[in-house]
Each structure stands twice: as structure tokens, then as C-alpha cells.
Amino acid sequence: MYLYKLAEPGTSAYWTLIVFSLILNIAKYVLGAIGIERLAKNKGLEKTWMAWIPIVDLCLLGKIIERIRIGKWEIVHLEQLLPGVAVVTLAFCWIPVLGTIVGLVMMVIMAFAMYGLFVKYRPEQAILYTIIGLVLKLSDLFIFIIRNDEEVQ
């Protein structure tokens, strides 16, 4: 029996993978929401409950980060930019070439945003957290890890 046949749709291995993936993603989401909510409370922001709502949590994250630098440019108003780019990405993800381009733009903006967040709280580990967070999709875990830290800058 070939290994790839173990995870064919309808097999118990397939459903085990689906359930395991679902549990991991829910855990990541909860840890990320707890982290964003705590960072927002520590910063004195209002409406910290927004950390639990998808896309709206990016607004709160943008308020925490405040600004990012991309080369010579400084981008402010992240509380509008991050959720806006997320909505545009969702709207255009179905269009083959344009969806890919918009998705890549979203990924780059989120990479700089995550780096900006980690630099504020753990500057010595910011690059490591950003790279591992992007490659292994663990940014939520790192946000949870820094939730009780105070701003360095």
C-alpha cells in the first residue's frame, strides 16, 4: 500500500488529519487573539474585544504597531491599512494572476507589520520571530509569547 493512499478523502487517516489541522488552527487563533488583546490592554487601547474578530483584529494590531518602515517610506495608519489590504486580498483571491499579486502584496505588508511589532517588544529576536512566523505560520504563537512584554522603543 502506498503512503499517499492513507490520506485519501473518506479514509480515517484523512479525517484524522482534517480534525488535527482544525484543532491546531483554532489553538493558533485563540493564542493570537489572547496575545493581541493583552498587548492592546497593556497599551491602553479601548475595544480590546476586537482581537477576537477576524480581519477586525488587524485594526487593533495596526493600532499596537502604529507605523512601519519599508525602505525609505514610513507607513502610518496601519489600523486602516492592514484590514483594508486583507479585505482586498479576499476580494481578489479568486482572480488567477491578480489574486496572486494582491496576495503577495499582503504577505509583504504583513511581514513588515510583524517585524514592526516584534521590534517594539523583542528587538533582539524580531528577525527570527518574523522569519519563523512567516515560514511556519507561527506569528500567532509569537504574539502570544510577547503579550506581557513592555515596549522597548
Protein backbone atom coordinates (compact mmCIF):
# COMPACT_ATOMS: atom_id res chain seq x y z
CA MET A 1 0.00 0.00 0.00
CA TYR A 2 1.29 3.42 -0.92
CA LEU A 3 1.58 6.07 1.76
CA TYR A 4 -0.41 8.66 -0.21
CA LYS A 5 -3.42 6.30 -0.26
CA LEU A 6 -3.65 6.52 3.54
CA ALA A 7 -4.88 10.11 3.39
CA GLU A 8 -7.38 9.77 0.56
CA PRO A 9 -10.71 11.50 1.17
CA GLY A 10 -13.04 9.28 3.13
CA THR A 11 -10.37 7.32 4.98
CA SER A 12 -9.95 7.56 8.73
CA ALA A 13 -6.43 8.98 8.24
CA TYR A 14 -7.88 11.75 6.09
CA TRP A 15 -10.45 12.73 8.71
CA THR A 16 -7.82 12.50 11.44
CA LEU A 17 -5.66 14.97 9.52
CA ILE A 18 -8.62 17.28 8.97
CA VAL A 19 -9.60 17.26 12.67
CA PHE A 20 -5.97 17.66 13.80
CA SER A 21 -5.48 20.59 11.42
CA LEU A 22 -8.70 22.20 12.61
CA ILE A 23 -7.70 21.86 16.27
CA LEU A 24 -4.23 23.33 15.60
CA ASN A 25 -5.67 26.29 13.68
CA ILE A 26 -8.24 27.01 16.39
CA ALA A 27 -5.49 26.88 19.03
CA LYS A 28 -3.31 29.25 16.99
CA TYR A 29 -6.21 31.64 16.53
CA VAL A 30 -7.07 31.65 20.25
CA LEU A 31 -3.43 32.21 21.26
CA GLY A 32 -3.11 35.05 18.75
CA ALA A 33 -6.33 36.69 19.95
CA ILE A 34 -5.24 36.44 23.58
CA GLY A 35 -1.88 37.96 22.64
CA ILE A 36 -3.35 40.86 20.65
CA GLU A 37 -5.94 41.56 23.34
CA ARG A 38 -3.30 41.66 26.09
CA LEU A 39 -0.93 43.86 24.05
CA ALA A 40 -3.83 46.25 23.38
CA LYS A 41 -4.79 46.37 27.07
CA ASN A 42 -1.18 47.00 28.08
CA LYS A 43 -1.02 49.85 25.55
CA GLY A 44 -4.22 51.37 26.99
CA LEU A 45 -6.33 50.86 23.87
CA GLU A 46 -10.10 50.60 24.02
CA LYS A 47 -12.27 47.90 22.45
CA THR A 48 -9.75 45.12 23.02
CA TRP A 49 -12.50 42.58 22.29
CA MET A 50 -11.83 43.30 18.60
CA ALA A 51 -8.89 40.90 18.88
CA TRP A 52 -11.38 38.02 18.64
CA ILE A 53 -12.94 39.05 15.32
CA PRO A 54 -11.13 38.04 12.12
CA ILE A 55 -9.93 40.98 9.96
CA VAL A 56 -11.09 43.43 12.66
CA ASP A 57 -8.23 42.11 14.81
CA LEU A 58 -5.87 43.58 12.20
CA CYS A 59 -7.24 47.02 13.03
CA LEU A 60 -6.26 46.52 16.66
CA LEU A 61 -2.90 45.11 15.62
CA GLY A 62 -2.32 48.19 13.47
CA LYS A 63 -3.03 50.44 16.46
CA ILE A 64 -0.49 48.50 18.51
CA ILE A 65 2.21 48.67 15.84
CA GLU A 66 1.40 52.30 14.89
CA ARG A 67 3.85 52.60 11.95
CA ILE A 68 6.23 50.54 9.87
CA ARG A 69 9.18 51.42 7.69
CA ILE A 70 9.65 49.88 4.26
CA GLY A 71 12.90 51.21 2.87
CA LYS A 72 12.67 54.99 2.83
CA TRP A 73 8.90 55.00 3.32
CA GLU A 74 7.17 55.20 6.64
CA ILE A 75 3.64 53.84 6.62
CA VAL A 76 1.24 55.13 9.26
CA HIS A 77 -2.47 54.46 9.86
CA LEU A 78 -1.91 50.71 9.95
CA GLU A 79 -5.24 50.33 11.73
CA GLN A 80 -6.81 51.13 8.34
CA LEU A 81 -4.20 49.64 6.02
CA LEU A 82 -3.98 46.11 7.46
CA PRO A 83 -7.71 45.27 7.45
CA GLY A 84 -8.12 47.09 4.13
CA VAL A 85 -5.44 45.00 2.45
CA ALA A 86 -6.95 41.85 3.97
CA VAL A 87 -10.38 42.66 2.52
CA VAL A 88 -8.89 43.47 -0.90
CA THR A 89 -6.96 40.18 -0.78
CA LEU A 90 -10.16 38.25 -0.01
CA ALA A 91 -11.99 40.04 -2.80
CA PHE A 92 -9.35 39.39 -5.46
CA CYS A 93 -8.03 35.98 -4.41
CA TRP A 94 -10.35 34.29 -6.94
CA ILE A 95 -8.80 36.07 -9.92
CA PRO A 96 -5.80 33.97 -11.03
CA VAL A 97 -2.96 36.46 -11.71
CA LEU A 98 -4.32 39.49 -9.88
CA GLY A 99 -5.16 37.39 -6.83
CA THR A 100 -1.60 36.11 -6.66
CA ILE A 101 -0.15 39.62 -6.92
CA VAL A 102 -2.50 41.01 -4.27
CA GLY A 103 -1.74 38.03 -2.02
CA LEU A 104 2.00 38.65 -2.34
CA VAL A 105 1.50 42.34 -1.51
CA MET A 106 -0.50 41.31 1.58
CA MET A 107 2.25 38.92 2.61
CA VAL A 108 4.95 41.60 2.28
CA ILE A 109 2.92 44.16 4.23
CA MET A 110 2.17 41.63 6.96
CA ALA A 111 5.85 40.64 7.12
CA PHE A 112 6.85 44.25 7.73
CA ALA A 113 3.98 44.69 10.20
CA MET A 114 5.01 41.61 12.17
CA TYR A 115 8.62 42.77 12.13
CA GLY A 116 7.47 46.19 13.38
CA LEU A 117 5.54 44.53 16.20
CA PHE A 118 8.38 42.25 17.25
CA VAL A 119 10.91 45.10 17.13
CA LYS A 120 8.75 47.04 19.60
CA TYR A 121 8.67 44.22 22.13
CA ARG A 122 11.60 41.87 21.43
CA PRO A 123 14.10 43.68 19.16
CA GLU A 124 16.83 41.08 19.64
CA GLN A 125 14.53 38.34 18.33
CA ALA A 126 12.49 40.34 15.82
CA ILE A 127 14.08 38.92 12.67
CA LEU A 128 13.92 35.35 13.98
CA TYR A 129 10.26 35.67 15.04
CA THR A 130 9.33 37.29 11.72
CA ILE A 131 11.01 34.66 9.54
CA ILE A 132 9.81 31.66 11.55
CA GLY A 133 6.37 33.23 11.86
CA LEU A 134 6.07 33.62 8.10
CA VAL A 135 7.62 30.34 7.04
CA LEU A 136 5.93 28.12 9.63
CA LYS A 137 2.80 30.25 10.12
CA LEU A 138 3.56 30.75 13.82
CA SER A 139 3.12 34.53 14.14
CA ASP A 140 0.11 33.99 16.41
CA LEU A 141 2.24 31.95 18.78
CA PHE A 142 4.93 34.64 18.89
CA ILE A 143 2.31 37.33 19.53
CA PHE A 144 1.11 35.21 22.45
CA ILE A 145 4.70 34.86 23.72
CA ILE A 146 5.27 38.66 23.77
CA ARG A 147 1.84 39.52 25.20
CA ASN A 148 3.16 40.54 28.64
CA ASP A 149 6.28 42.36 27.41
CA GLU A 150 6.60 46.11 27.63
CA GLU A 151 7.52 48.26 24.64
CA VAL A 152 11.27 48.65 24.24
CA GLN A 153 11.16 51.69 21.96
